[in-house]
Structure formats: structure tokens, C-alpha cells
Amino acid sequence: MASHNELGKEGEQVATDYLMDKGYKICERNWYFKKAEIDIIAQKDDVLVIVEVKTRSTDDFGDPQDFITPKKIGHIVEAADEYVQRLNWDKEVRFDIMAIVLNAKEKKIEHIEDGFLFF
């Protein structure tokens, strides 16, 4: 596996652990619909949380969340809509971003609730 793929998987595990520590129940990881992947689907209280995890080894070229494109958001929203329909979910759905910087010197985690609102 390429090192960037390993970093991404490590970042997803860090995000999962972080969310669980904050009281989220993890429903799915790496859930696919068509060409879209949802990194984490979690639930906290009556809110279904769709989480996009972006991991970088450095923030020298921008914050991890800066690398999420409108096209990627569109795919995630489409996949989330399918998941919600399959689940028959009729409560709140929120789209969060977990921006993670991981390297030998630091582990920086930023949880951005309603992160897609900024695009």
C-alpha cells in the first residue's frame, strides 16, 4: 500500500478513536455508494453524522480540509442520501470534517462540525 494510503487509514483510525472518546457511536466505516466513499458514519444522540476525514503529514501547503473539493462534497452528499434512504432515517443529518495532521512530531486533530457549510 502506498504511504499516502497508509497515512489516510491511520488518520481515519485517529478520527474514529476521537469520535468514540467524544461519545459518538460508529455505525459504518468506508461505506461506498457508486464512486463515493463515506469515511465514517456515526451517530450522537438523534443526529446522524457523515464524516469526511482528511489527513496530511504537514500543513505547510494548507490545512487538510482545504483539499476537499466541491465535486467530492457532491459525491459524499449523494452517498449520504442513499444511506439515509436505506436506513429510513427521519432525524437530523450533519456533515462534519475531521482535519488531521500526523507526523513524527505532531498529531493535530480538528473536528469541524457542519464543515460542508463553508464550501
Protein backbone atom coordinates (compact mmCIF):
# COMPACT_ATOMS: atom_id res chain seq x y z
CA MET A 1 0.00 0.00 0.00
CA ALA A 2 1.31 3.47 -0.86
CA SER A 3 2.44 5.61 2.07
CA HIS A 4 -0.31 8.21 1.46
CA ASN A 5 -2.91 5.42 1.66
CA GLU A 6 -1.38 4.23 4.94
CA LEU A 7 -1.45 7.78 6.28
CA GLY A 8 -5.11 8.08 5.27
CA LYS A 9 -6.03 4.84 7.04
CA GLU A 10 -4.11 5.92 10.13
CA GLY A 11 -5.95 9.26 10.06
CA GLU A 12 -9.31 7.51 9.82
CA GLN A 13 -8.43 5.42 12.87
CA VAL A 14 -7.39 8.54 14.79
CA ALA A 15 -10.71 10.18 13.81
CA THR A 16 -12.69 7.09 14.82
CA ASP A 17 -10.98 6.94 18.22
CA TYR A 18 -11.53 10.67 18.74
CA LEU A 19 -15.24 10.44 17.93
CA MET A 20 -15.74 7.41 20.16
CA ASP A 21 -13.99 9.25 23.01
CA LYS A 22 -16.49 12.10 22.49
CA GLY A 23 -19.47 9.74 22.80
CA TYR A 24 -20.22 9.06 19.14
CA LYS A 25 -21.39 5.60 18.10
CA ILE A 26 -19.61 4.47 14.92
CA CYS A 27 -22.18 2.99 12.53
CA GLU A 28 -20.04 2.46 9.42
CA ARG A 29 -16.53 2.99 8.15
CA ASN A 30 -15.58 3.27 4.48
CA TRP A 31 -19.16 2.99 3.23
CA TYR A 32 -19.42 3.03 -0.57
CA PHE A 33 -22.17 4.05 -2.96
CA LYS A 34 -21.33 4.19 -6.65
CA LYS A 35 -17.99 6.04 -6.84
CA ALA A 36 -18.36 7.77 -3.49
CA GLU A 37 -16.93 6.70 -0.16
CA ILE A 38 -18.05 7.99 3.21
CA ASP A 39 -15.13 7.65 5.60
CA ILE A 40 -17.17 7.45 8.81
CA ILE A 41 -20.87 7.37 9.56
CA ALA A 42 -21.55 7.99 13.23
CA GLN A 43 -24.44 8.80 15.49
CA LYS A 44 -24.62 11.04 18.51
CA ASP A 45 -27.97 11.37 20.21
CA ASP A 46 -30.52 11.84 17.40
CA VAL A 47 -28.02 13.12 14.84
CA LEU A 48 -26.56 11.02 12.03
CA VAL A 49 -23.08 12.39 11.33
CA ILE A 50 -21.38 11.90 7.98
CA VAL A 51 -17.65 12.44 8.45
CA GLU A 52 -15.05 13.20 5.80
CA VAL A 53 -11.53 12.61 7.12
CA LYS A 54 -8.63 14.48 5.53
CA THR A 55 -5.17 13.57 6.74
CA ARG A 56 -1.89 15.20 5.78
CA SER A 57 1.64 14.75 7.07
CA THR A 58 2.11 18.52 7.16
CA ASP A 59 0.03 21.64 6.88
CA ASP A 60 2.80 23.53 5.08
CA PHE A 61 0.71 23.69 1.89
CA GLY A 62 -2.65 24.33 3.55
CA ASP A 63 -4.95 22.81 6.10
CA PRO A 64 -6.19 19.29 5.36
CA GLN A 65 -9.77 20.48 4.88
CA ASP A 66 -8.60 22.81 2.09
CA PHE A 67 -8.17 19.71 -0.10
CA ILE A 68 -11.86 18.79 -0.13
CA THR A 69 -13.32 19.75 -3.49
CA PRO A 70 -16.92 20.69 -4.29
CA LYS A 71 -17.06 17.61 -6.54
CA LYS A 72 -16.03 15.38 -3.61
CA ILE A 73 -18.69 17.01 -1.44
CA GLY A 74 -21.29 16.29 -4.12
CA HIS A 75 -20.36 12.60 -4.17
CA ILE A 76 -20.47 12.37 -0.38
CA VAL A 77 -23.87 14.07 -0.21
CA GLU A 78 -25.23 11.69 -2.86
CA ALA A 79 -23.92 8.66 -0.96
CA ALA A 80 -25.28 10.02 2.33
CA ASP A 81 -28.70 10.49 0.75
CA GLU A 82 -28.67 6.83 -0.30
CA TYR A 83 -27.61 5.72 3.19
CA VAL A 84 -30.33 7.83 4.84
CA GLN A 85 -32.97 6.39 2.49
CA ARG A 86 -31.86 2.81 3.14
CA LEU A 87 -31.93 3.44 6.89
CA ASN A 88 -35.24 5.31 6.70
CA TRP A 89 -33.61 7.98 8.85
CA ASP A 90 -36.00 10.85 9.58
CA LYS A 91 -33.94 12.89 12.02
CA GLU A 92 -31.11 15.37 11.64
CA VAL A 93 -28.12 14.64 9.38
CA ARG A 94 -24.90 16.60 9.75
CA PHE A 95 -21.76 16.67 7.61
CA ASP A 96 -18.52 17.02 9.59
CA ILE A 97 -14.87 17.21 8.60
CA MET A 98 -12.03 15.73 10.61
CA ALA A 99 -8.82 17.53 9.61
CA ILE A 100 -5.78 15.65 10.86
CA VAL A 101 -2.07 16.36 10.63
CA LEU A 102 0.05 13.32 11.54
CA ASN A 103 3.80 13.04 11.51
CA ALA A 104 6.63 12.05 13.85
CA LYS A 105 6.47 15.39 15.67
CA GLU A 106 2.76 16.06 15.97
CA LYS A 107 -0.77 14.75 15.91
CA LYS A 108 -3.19 17.62 15.35
CA ILE A 109 -6.93 16.92 15.20
CA GLU A 110 -9.55 19.47 14.22
CA HIS A 111 -13.22 18.42 14.30
CA ILE A 112 -15.28 20.79 12.17
CA GLU A 113 -18.99 20.29 12.77
CA ASP A 114 -21.19 21.21 9.78
CA GLY A 115 -17.95 21.53 7.82
CA PHE A 116 -19.59 21.44 4.41
CA LEU A 117 -21.37 24.73 5.12
CA PHE A 118 -18.11 26.56 4.45
CA PHE A 119 -17.89 25.43 0.81
